[in-house]
């Protein structure tokens, strides 16, 4: 009798768990409203050879330390740096001072109101001297940084080939003013990006024609479309597929025009923005590391759609409960929990702080790597070089500064083979 009672309790508990799991997995009509299919990632390249561990980025100097948060992308004009930060502002840094250029969103209480604040991500200066910015919640904008005049080019309320862009992310601009831009998801907004990672791929690469003022879709079903970069001759355009740790290529001219292939695969991290030095060298930032000797989250969960479905449905149920509480009255802690629950920043905190940028040629071959394996610099989303090629500026979706690196220092060898990662 003494043994039967705990055994009976454990049995009932096990049955309850099975029933609850089955209900969450199979009851129809529960969010998120996406499909789930198995997928696998190409194994990560090891940190050997040209990827040998080093601390070349650890000599970086912080700019605007603790004065900004999340300078995702950096556009350079002469001695001026422009970036977008959490809170929605596009800011300018010059002569050691910062000022606000513009904001596309509305005033908000804090980071947790991101859908209201707006979130400027990728940005570039076009041939007309205007700064083009992708705001994750509001769309694409053209900004005259001298006058502050703003023109909306694409709204997230627009319908493009039957779907609205839910997460404009990055862009590049051709010599004729054509804008190539990524939409990370047509299913969810940036705040719920975990759903895009664990669910079906819905990201797109698009082309905006400034003459017709309309966008067309070049590529579909990209698993979180991210950084965008044109080749030196503009015969192809690259787009990062962050969730699958690879970069895709779309051909714009030549015999392969209109086709696509994989530019580089098996990356030792999650690719974010891609930038060029204009001389045939490409700099690919890996915002989170991925190791060959230890499977990452996407490596582990990719082949198991039911596990991903269960986790997302459970997350959405919790968010629904929080939304019910919010309906009664806004409580700051509840608002913050609602924000963080599906946000990528929460997942990013689980990764080692290993700064990593790959230098590639236009054939996709790795030339070298710039790292901060010791973790002084991490979560790098962009590596932008000034016009003289003297300094590089490192962006991040999470850091509280812009890192400035002397390009001469990153070219020196600082291998640290004794360090084992993963």
Protein backbone atom coordinates (compact mmCIF):
# COMPACT_ATOMS: atom_id res chain seq x y z
CA UNK A 1 0.00 0.00 0.00
CA UNK A 2 2.90 2.31 0.85
CA UNK A 3 4.50 1.76 -2.53
CA UNK A 4 1.25 1.77 -4.52
CA UNK A 5 0.33 5.39 -3.65
CA UNK A 6 3.48 7.08 -5.11
CA UNK A 7 3.41 4.73 -8.11
CA UNK A 8 -0.23 5.65 -8.72
CA UNK A 9 0.61 9.35 -8.41
CA UNK A 10 3.47 9.06 -10.89
CA UNK A 11 1.23 7.13 -13.28
CA UNK A 12 -1.50 9.77 -13.17
CA UNK A 13 1.09 12.52 -13.61
CA UNK A 14 2.57 10.77 -16.63
CA UNK A 15 -0.89 10.34 -18.16
CA UNK A 16 -1.67 14.03 -17.52
CA UNK A 17 1.58 15.06 -19.22
CA UNK A 18 0.85 12.87 -22.24
CA UNK A 19 -2.71 14.22 -22.52
CA UNK A 20 -1.64 17.87 -22.19
CA UNK A 21 1.16 17.37 -24.74
CA UNK A 22 -1.25 15.70 -27.17
CA UNK A 23 -3.80 18.50 -26.75
CA UNK A 24 -1.17 21.19 -27.35
CA UNK A 25 0.18 19.36 -30.40
CA UNK A 26 -2.94 18.19 -32.14
CA UNK A 27 -5.94 20.33 -31.17
CA UNK A 28 -6.83 22.38 -34.28
CA UNK A 29 -6.90 26.16 -34.41
CA UNK A 30 -4.13 26.93 -31.93
CA UNK A 31 -1.44 29.49 -32.85
CA UNK A 32 1.03 29.89 -34.37
CA UNK A 33 -0.61 29.51 -37.76
CA UNK A 34 2.41 28.13 -39.61
CA UNK A 35 3.37 24.71 -40.92
CA UNK A 36 6.24 22.54 -39.72
CA UNK A 37 8.50 20.41 -41.88
CA UNK A 38 11.76 18.62 -41.06
CA UNK A 39 15.01 20.21 -42.23
CA UNK A 40 18.70 19.77 -41.58
CA UNK A 41 21.67 22.10 -41.62
CA UNK A 42 24.97 21.46 -43.33
CA UNK A 43 27.52 20.70 -40.57
CA UNK A 44 29.46 23.74 -39.39
CA UNK A 45 32.97 24.31 -40.71
CA UNK A 46 35.60 23.71 -38.02
CA UNK A 47 37.72 26.53 -36.59
CA UNK A 48 40.86 25.47 -38.40
CA UNK A 49 42.94 26.84 -41.27
CA UNK A 50 41.61 30.23 -42.35
CA UNK A 51 39.01 29.95 -39.60
CA UNK A 52 41.62 29.30 -36.91
CA UNK A 53 40.66 30.97 -33.64
CA UNK A 54 42.03 34.47 -33.16
CA UNK A 55 41.45 37.70 -31.27
CA UNK A 56 41.93 40.14 -34.14
CA UNK A 57 38.76 42.04 -33.19
CA UNK A 58 39.64 42.30 -29.51
CA UNK A 59 41.61 45.50 -30.17
CA UNK A 60 38.37 47.29 -31.13
CA UNK A 61 37.59 50.60 -29.42
CA UNK A 62 34.04 51.43 -28.30
CA UNK A 63 32.26 54.52 -29.61
CA UNK A 64 29.21 55.93 -27.80
CA UNK A 65 29.71 53.39 -25.03
CA UNK A 66 26.53 52.95 -22.95
CA UNK A 67 24.87 55.82 -24.87
CA UNK A 68 23.11 53.66 -27.46
CA UNK A 69 21.59 50.19 -27.64
CA UNK A 70 21.49 47.90 -30.66
CA UNK A 71 23.30 49.77 -33.49
CA UNK A 72 22.37 47.05 -36.00
CA UNK A 73 23.66 48.62 -39.22
CA UNK A 74 26.11 51.41 -39.93
CA UNK A 75 26.16 53.75 -42.94
CA UNK A 76 29.20 55.95 -43.49
CA UNK A 77 29.31 59.36 -45.17
CA UNK A 78 32.72 61.00 -44.93
CA UNK A 79 33.43 61.47 -41.22
CA UNK A 80 29.83 60.75 -40.22
CA UNK A 81 28.39 57.46 -38.98
CA UNK A 82 24.67 56.72 -39.13
CA UNK A 83 22.91 53.90 -37.33
CA UNK A 84 19.49 52.84 -36.07
CA UNK A 85 19.03 51.96 -32.42
CA UNK A 86 16.52 50.29 -30.13
CA UNK A 87 13.85 52.84 -29.34
CA UNK A 88 13.39 53.67 -33.04
CA UNK A 89 15.80 56.55 -33.62
CA UNK A 90 18.16 56.93 -36.57
CA UNK A 91 21.18 58.75 -35.18
CA UNK A 92 24.32 60.44 -36.52
CA UNK A 93 27.76 60.30 -34.88
CA UNK A 94 30.26 63.01 -35.76
CA UNK A 95 33.20 64.58 -33.94
CA UNK A 96 32.46 62.58 -30.81
CA UNK A 97 28.83 63.72 -30.59
CA UNK A 98 25.51 62.10 -31.42
CA UNK A 99 22.28 63.65 -32.62
CA UNK A 100 18.94 62.23 -33.74
CA UNK A 101 18.25 62.42 -37.48
CA UNK A 102 14.74 60.97 -37.58
CA UNK A 103 12.35 58.35 -36.25
CA UNK A 104 9.74 56.42 -38.24
CA UNK A 105 7.77 55.03 -35.31
CA UNK A 106 5.90 56.64 -32.45
CA UNK A 107 6.98 57.66 -28.97
CA UNK A 108 7.04 54.71 -26.62
CA UNK A 109 7.73 53.83 -23.00
CA UNK A 110 10.60 51.45 -23.63
CA UNK A 111 12.15 48.63 -25.63
CA UNK A 112 9.23 46.32 -24.88
CA UNK A 113 6.99 48.55 -27.03
CA UNK A 114 9.10 47.85 -30.11
CA UNK A 115 6.10 47.44 -32.41
CA UNK A 116 5.18 51.03 -31.58
CA UNK A 117 8.70 52.50 -31.41
CA UNK A 118 9.87 51.03 -34.70
CA UNK A 119 13.23 49.32 -35.19
CA UNK A 120 15.60 50.69 -37.86
CA UNK A 121 17.78 47.86 -39.15
CA UNK A 122 19.70 47.84 -42.45
CA UNK A 123 20.69 51.17 -44.03
CA UNK A 124 22.75 52.43 -46.97
CA UNK A 125 23.42 55.68 -48.79
CA UNK A 126 22.12 55.60 -52.34
CA UNK A 127 23.62 57.23 -55.46
CA UNK A 128 21.33 60.24 -54.90
CA UNK A 129 22.88 60.88 -51.48
CA UNK A 130 19.77 59.80 -49.58
CA UNK A 131 19.95 57.35 -46.71
CA UNK A 132 17.65 54.37 -47.28
CA UNK A 133 16.58 52.61 -44.08
CA UNK A 134 14.64 49.39 -43.46
CA UNK A 135 12.49 49.67 -40.35
CA UNK A 136 11.33 46.24 -39.20
CA UNK A 137 7.85 47.45 -38.26
CA UNK A 138 7.15 50.31 -40.64
CA UNK A 139 8.88 49.67 -43.98
CA UNK A 140 11.52 51.21 -46.26
CA UNK A 141 12.28 54.93 -46.04
CA UNK A 142 14.43 57.43 -47.91
CA UNK A 143 15.94 60.12 -45.67
CA UNK A 144 17.64 63.39 -46.53
CA UNK A 145 19.99 63.46 -43.54
CA UNK A 146 20.75 67.16 -44.03
CA UNK A 147 17.16 68.39 -43.97
CA UNK A 148 15.48 65.55 -42.09
CA UNK A 149 12.95 65.07 -44.90
CA UNK A 150 11.58 61.52 -44.96
CA UNK A 151 9.85 59.67 -47.81
CA UNK A 152 8.19 56.28 -47.36
CA UNK A 153 9.10 53.91 -50.18
CA UNK A 154 7.47 50.69 -48.98
CA UNK A 155 4.99 50.27 -46.14
CA UNK A 156 4.55 47.08 -44.12
CA UNK A 157 0.85 47.56 -44.91
CA UNK A 158 1.56 47.12 -48.63
CA UNK A 159 0.70 43.83 -50.29
CA UNK A 160 3.50 42.49 -52.47
CA UNK A 161 2.68 39.40 -54.51
CA UNK A 162 -0.19 38.54 -52.18
CA UNK A 163 1.65 39.00 -48.87
CA UNK A 164 2.57 41.85 -46.60
CA UNK A 165 6.20 42.35 -45.57
CA UNK A 166 6.17 41.69 -41.83
CA UNK A 167 9.87 42.26 -41.17
CA UNK A 168 11.92 44.46 -43.56
CA UNK A 169 15.52 43.83 -42.57
CA UNK A 170 18.44 44.80 -44.81
CA UNK A 171 19.13 46.30 -48.23
CA UNK A 172 21.64 47.26 -50.88
CA UNK A 173 21.29 49.85 -53.63
CA UNK A 174 22.37 49.53 -57.26
CA UNK A 175 24.06 52.25 -59.28
CA UNK A 176 20.71 52.98 -60.95
CA UNK A 177 18.96 53.43 -57.60
CA UNK A 178 17.27 50.00 -57.57
CA UNK A 179 16.92 48.75 -54.00
CA UNK A 180 17.36 45.07 -53.21
CA UNK A 181 15.89 44.32 -49.79
CA UNK A 182 15.08 41.45 -47.51
CA UNK A 183 11.85 40.71 -45.70
CA UNK A 184 12.72 38.25 -42.93
CA UNK A 185 9.18 36.93 -42.56
CA UNK A 186 5.73 37.25 -44.10
CA UNK A 187 4.29 35.38 -41.09
CA UNK A 188 5.43 37.28 -38.01
CA UNK A 189 6.98 40.56 -36.91
CA UNK A 190 10.51 40.86 -35.54
CA UNK A 191 9.30 40.64 -31.94
CA UNK A 192 8.05 37.09 -32.65
CA UNK A 193 10.98 36.02 -34.84
CA UNK A 194 11.40 32.77 -32.90
CA UNK A 195 8.27 31.55 -34.74
CA UNK A 196 9.98 32.19 -38.09
CA UNK A 197 13.05 30.23 -36.98
CA UNK A 198 11.14 27.22 -35.65
CA UNK A 199 8.31 27.25 -38.20
CA UNK A 200 8.09 27.32 -41.97
CA UNK A 201 10.46 29.59 -43.94
CA UNK A 202 8.59 32.62 -45.28
CA UNK A 203 11.34 35.20 -45.85
CA UNK A 204 11.82 36.92 -49.21
CA UNK A 205 14.34 38.85 -51.29
CA UNK A 206 12.71 41.73 -53.15
CA UNK A 207 13.57 44.45 -55.65
CA UNK A 208 12.23 48.00 -55.41
CA UNK A 209 12.14 49.94 -58.68
CA UNK A 210 12.40 53.70 -57.99
CA UNK A 211 10.82 54.50 -61.36
CA UNK A 212 7.64 52.50 -60.85
CA UNK A 213 7.82 52.80 -57.05
CA UNK A 214 6.88 49.16 -56.72
CA UNK A 215 8.50 45.98 -55.39
CA UNK A 216 8.76 42.55 -56.97
CA UNK A 217 9.76 39.27 -55.35
CA UNK A 218 13.02 37.65 -56.48
CA UNK A 219 13.27 34.78 -53.97
CA UNK A 220 10.79 33.12 -51.60
CA UNK A 221 10.76 30.72 -48.67
CA UNK A 222 14.04 31.93 -47.21
CA UNK A 223 14.45 30.84 -43.59
CA UNK A 224 14.78 34.31 -42.02
CA UNK A 225 16.11 36.44 -44.88
CA UNK A 226 18.67 38.89 -43.54
CA UNK A 227 21.75 40.69 -44.91
CA UNK A 228 21.82 41.82 -48.56
CA UNK A 229 24.83 42.63 -50.77
CA UNK A 230 25.28 43.24 -54.50
CA UNK A 231 28.38 41.94 -56.26
CA UNK A 232 30.95 44.45 -57.47
CA UNK A 233 29.63 44.30 -61.05
CA UNK A 234 25.99 43.93 -59.90
CA UNK A 235 25.64 40.64 -61.74
CA UNK A 236 24.30 38.91 -58.62
CA UNK A 237 22.92 39.73 -55.20
CA UNK A 238 23.49 37.84 -51.96
CA UNK A 239 21.09 37.31 -49.07
CA UNK A 240 21.80 35.69 -45.70
CA UNK A 241 19.56 32.80 -44.67
CA UNK A 242 20.14 33.13 -40.96
CA UNK A 243 18.19 30.13 -39.66
CA UNK A 244 20.04 27.73 -41.98
CA UNK A 245 23.54 29.20 -41.50
CA UNK A 246 24.13 29.89 -45.19
CA UNK A 247 24.12 32.63 -47.83
CA UNK A 248 22.06 32.42 -51.03
CA UNK A 249 22.82 34.02 -54.40
CA UNK A 250 20.39 35.36 -57.01
CA UNK A 251 21.70 36.07 -60.52
CA UNK A 252 20.73 39.40 -62.04
CA UNK A 253 22.51 39.12 -65.40
CA UNK A 254 24.16 36.57 -67.70
CA UNK A 255 23.13 33.06 -68.67
CA UNK A 256 21.97 32.29 -65.11
CA UNK A 257 19.78 35.39 -64.83
CA UNK A 258 16.72 34.75 -62.67
CA UNK A 259 18.16 31.60 -61.08
CA UNK A 260 19.51 31.08 -57.60
CA UNK A 261 22.01 28.88 -55.79
CA UNK A 262 23.90 28.57 -52.51
CA UNK A 263 26.84 30.99 -52.24
CA UNK A 264 28.33 29.52 -49.05
CA UNK A 265 27.01 26.86 -46.67
CA UNK A 266 27.95 25.22 -43.38
CA UNK A 267 28.79 28.53 -41.78
CA UNK A 268 30.21 28.42 -38.24
CA UNK A 269 27.53 30.84 -37.10
CA UNK A 270 24.30 32.62 -37.97
CA UNK A 271 24.87 35.07 -40.85
CA UNK A 272 23.58 38.61 -40.47
CA UNK A 273 24.50 41.62 -42.61
CA UNK A 274 26.86 41.39 -45.58
CA UNK A 275 29.03 44.30 -46.66
CA UNK A 276 31.72 44.87 -49.30
CA UNK A 277 34.89 46.95 -49.55
CA UNK A 278 33.99 47.70 -53.18
CA UNK A 279 37.11 45.88 -54.38
CA UNK A 280 35.89 42.31 -54.56
CA UNK A 281 36.04 41.49 -50.87
CA UNK A 282 32.92 40.62 -48.90
CA UNK A 283 32.55 40.79 -45.12
CA UNK A 284 30.00 38.44 -43.61
CA UNK A 285 29.09 38.96 -39.96
CA UNK A 286 28.04 35.93 -37.92
CA UNK A 287 25.88 37.27 -35.11
CA UNK A 288 25.96 34.01 -33.11
CA UNK A 289 28.59 31.24 -33.28
CA UNK A 290 28.01 27.63 -34.29
CA UNK A 291 30.52 24.88 -33.57
CA UNK A 292 31.42 21.72 -35.46
CA UNK A 293 31.93 19.73 -32.25
CA UNK A 294 28.63 20.68 -30.63
CA UNK A 295 25.19 20.85 -32.25
CA UNK A 296 23.34 24.14 -31.96
CA UNK A 297 19.64 24.70 -31.38
CA UNK A 298 18.70 24.69 -35.06
CA UNK A 299 20.89 21.65 -35.74
CA UNK A 300 19.15 19.75 -32.95
CA UNK A 301 15.55 20.80 -33.59
CA UNK A 302 15.50 21.03 -37.39
CA UNK A 303 14.75 17.33 -38.00
CA UNK A 304 11.94 17.26 -35.41
CA UNK A 305 8.93 19.35 -36.51
CA UNK A 306 6.66 18.05 -33.72
CA UNK A 307 9.09 19.23 -31.05
CA UNK A 308 9.28 22.69 -32.63
CA UNK A 309 5.50 22.79 -32.97
CA UNK A 310 5.02 21.87 -29.31
CA UNK A 311 7.49 24.53 -28.12
CA UNK A 312 5.93 27.26 -30.24
CA UNK A 313 2.36 26.36 -29.29
CA UNK A 314 3.33 26.35 -25.63
CA UNK A 315 4.96 29.75 -26.06
CA UNK A 316 1.88 31.12 -27.82
CA UNK A 317 -0.40 29.82 -25.04
CA UNK A 318 1.67 31.66 -22.44
CA UNK A 319 1.59 34.81 -24.60
CA UNK A 320 -2.20 34.46 -24.86
CA UNK A 321 -2.47 34.36 -21.07
CA UNK A 322 -0.27 37.46 -20.84
CA UNK A 323 -2.43 39.19 -23.46
CA UNK A 324 -5.49 38.44 -21.34
CA UNK A 325 -3.84 40.11 -18.38
CA UNK A 326 -2.91 43.09 -20.56
CA UNK A 327 -6.54 43.43 -21.64
CA UNK A 328 -7.49 44.12 -18.03
CA UNK A 329 -4.83 46.78 -17.63
CA UNK A 330 -1.28 47.49 -18.76
CA UNK A 331 1.26 46.15 -16.29
CA UNK A 332 4.85 46.94 -17.20
CA UNK A 333 6.28 43.59 -16.09
CA UNK A 334 3.63 41.71 -18.06
CA UNK A 335 4.27 43.90 -21.11
CA UNK A 336 7.98 43.13 -20.87
CA UNK A 337 7.38 39.39 -20.50
CA UNK A 338 5.12 39.47 -23.57
CA UNK A 339 7.91 41.18 -25.52
CA UNK A 340 10.80 38.97 -24.45
CA UNK A 341 9.03 35.63 -24.82
CA UNK A 342 9.39 35.32 -28.58
CA UNK A 343 12.26 37.75 -29.19
CA UNK A 344 15.57 36.61 -30.64
CA UNK A 345 17.54 38.58 -28.07
CA UNK A 346 16.46 36.14 -25.38
CA UNK A 347 17.80 33.23 -27.45
CA UNK A 348 20.99 35.17 -28.26
CA UNK A 349 21.81 35.38 -24.56
CA UNK A 350 22.25 31.58 -24.57
CA UNK A 351 25.09 31.63 -27.12
CA UNK A 352 28.80 32.12 -26.28
CA UNK A 353 30.04 35.66 -26.82
CA UNK A 354 32.32 34.94 -29.76
CA UNK A 355 32.79 37.80 -32.22
CA UNK A 356 33.16 36.52 -35.77
CA UNK A 357 33.42 38.06 -39.25
CA UNK A 358 34.39 36.16 -42.41
CA UNK A 359 36.25 37.76 -45.32
CA UNK A 360 35.15 36.16 -48.61
CA UNK A 361 35.87 36.62 -52.28
CA UNK A 362 33.05 36.89 -54.83
CA UNK A 363 33.22 33.16 -55.51
CA UNK A 364 32.29 32.41 -51.90
CA UNK A 365 35.77 31.26 -50.82
CA UNK A 366 36.92 32.16 -47.32
CA UNK A 367 39.99 34.43 -47.41
CA UNK A 368 40.36 34.98 -43.67
CA UNK A 369 38.40 35.48 -40.47
CA UNK A 370 38.35 38.25 -37.89
CA UNK A 371 37.40 37.04 -34.45
CA UNK A 372 37.20 37.86 -30.78
CA UNK A 373 37.24 34.29 -29.53
CA UNK A 374 37.90 35.49 -26.00
CA UNK A 375 34.55 37.30 -26.08
CA UNK A 376 35.53 40.95 -25.68
CA UNK A 377 33.53 41.74 -28.82
CA UNK A 378 30.47 39.67 -29.72
CA UNK A 379 27.02 39.63 -31.35
CA UNK A 380 28.34 41.33 -34.50
CA UNK A 381 25.66 42.09 -37.08
CA UNK A 382 27.72 44.20 -39.49
CA UNK A 383 31.30 44.99 -40.49
CA UNK A 384 31.41 48.26 -42.44
CA UNK A 385 34.64 49.74 -43.81
CA UNK A 386 35.15 53.47 -44.42
CA UNK A 387 35.92 54.84 -47.88
CA UNK A 388 39.67 54.89 -47.23
CA UNK A 389 39.72 51.29 -46.03
CA UNK A 390 41.44 52.36 -42.83
CA UNK A 391 38.78 51.59 -40.22
CA UNK A 392 35.92 49.15 -39.85
CA UNK A 393 32.86 49.79 -37.69
CA UNK A 394 31.05 46.90 -36.05
CA UNK A 395 27.28 46.95 -35.58
CA UNK A 396 25.22 44.76 -33.28
CA UNK A 397 21.52 44.21 -32.51
CA UNK A 398 22.31 44.00 -28.78
CA UNK A 399 25.55 45.85 -27.90
CA UNK A 400 25.66 49.24 -26.19
CA UNK A 401 28.27 50.77 -28.48
CA UNK A 402 29.72 50.80 -31.99
CA UNK A 403 33.10 49.07 -32.15
CA UNK A 404 35.84 50.76 -34.21
CA UNK A 405 38.66 48.58 -35.57
CA UNK A 406 41.91 49.56 -37.28
CA UNK A 407 42.07 47.43 -40.44
CA UNK A 408 45.85 47.08 -40.09
CA UNK A 409 45.39 45.35 -36.74
CA UNK A 410 42.89 42.79 -38.04
CA UNK A 411 45.31 41.67 -40.72
CA UNK A 412 47.94 40.62 -38.20
CA UNK A 413 48.05 36.97 -37.13
CA UNK A 414 46.82 36.29 -33.60
CA UNK A 415 45.99 32.61 -33.62
CA UNK A 416 45.11 30.99 -30.32
CA UNK A 417 45.12 27.24 -31.06
CA UNK A 418 45.16 26.34 -27.40
CA UNK A 419 41.58 27.57 -26.94
CA UNK A 420 38.81 24.99 -27.49
CA UNK A 421 35.31 26.26 -28.22
CA UNK A 422 31.90 24.69 -27.95
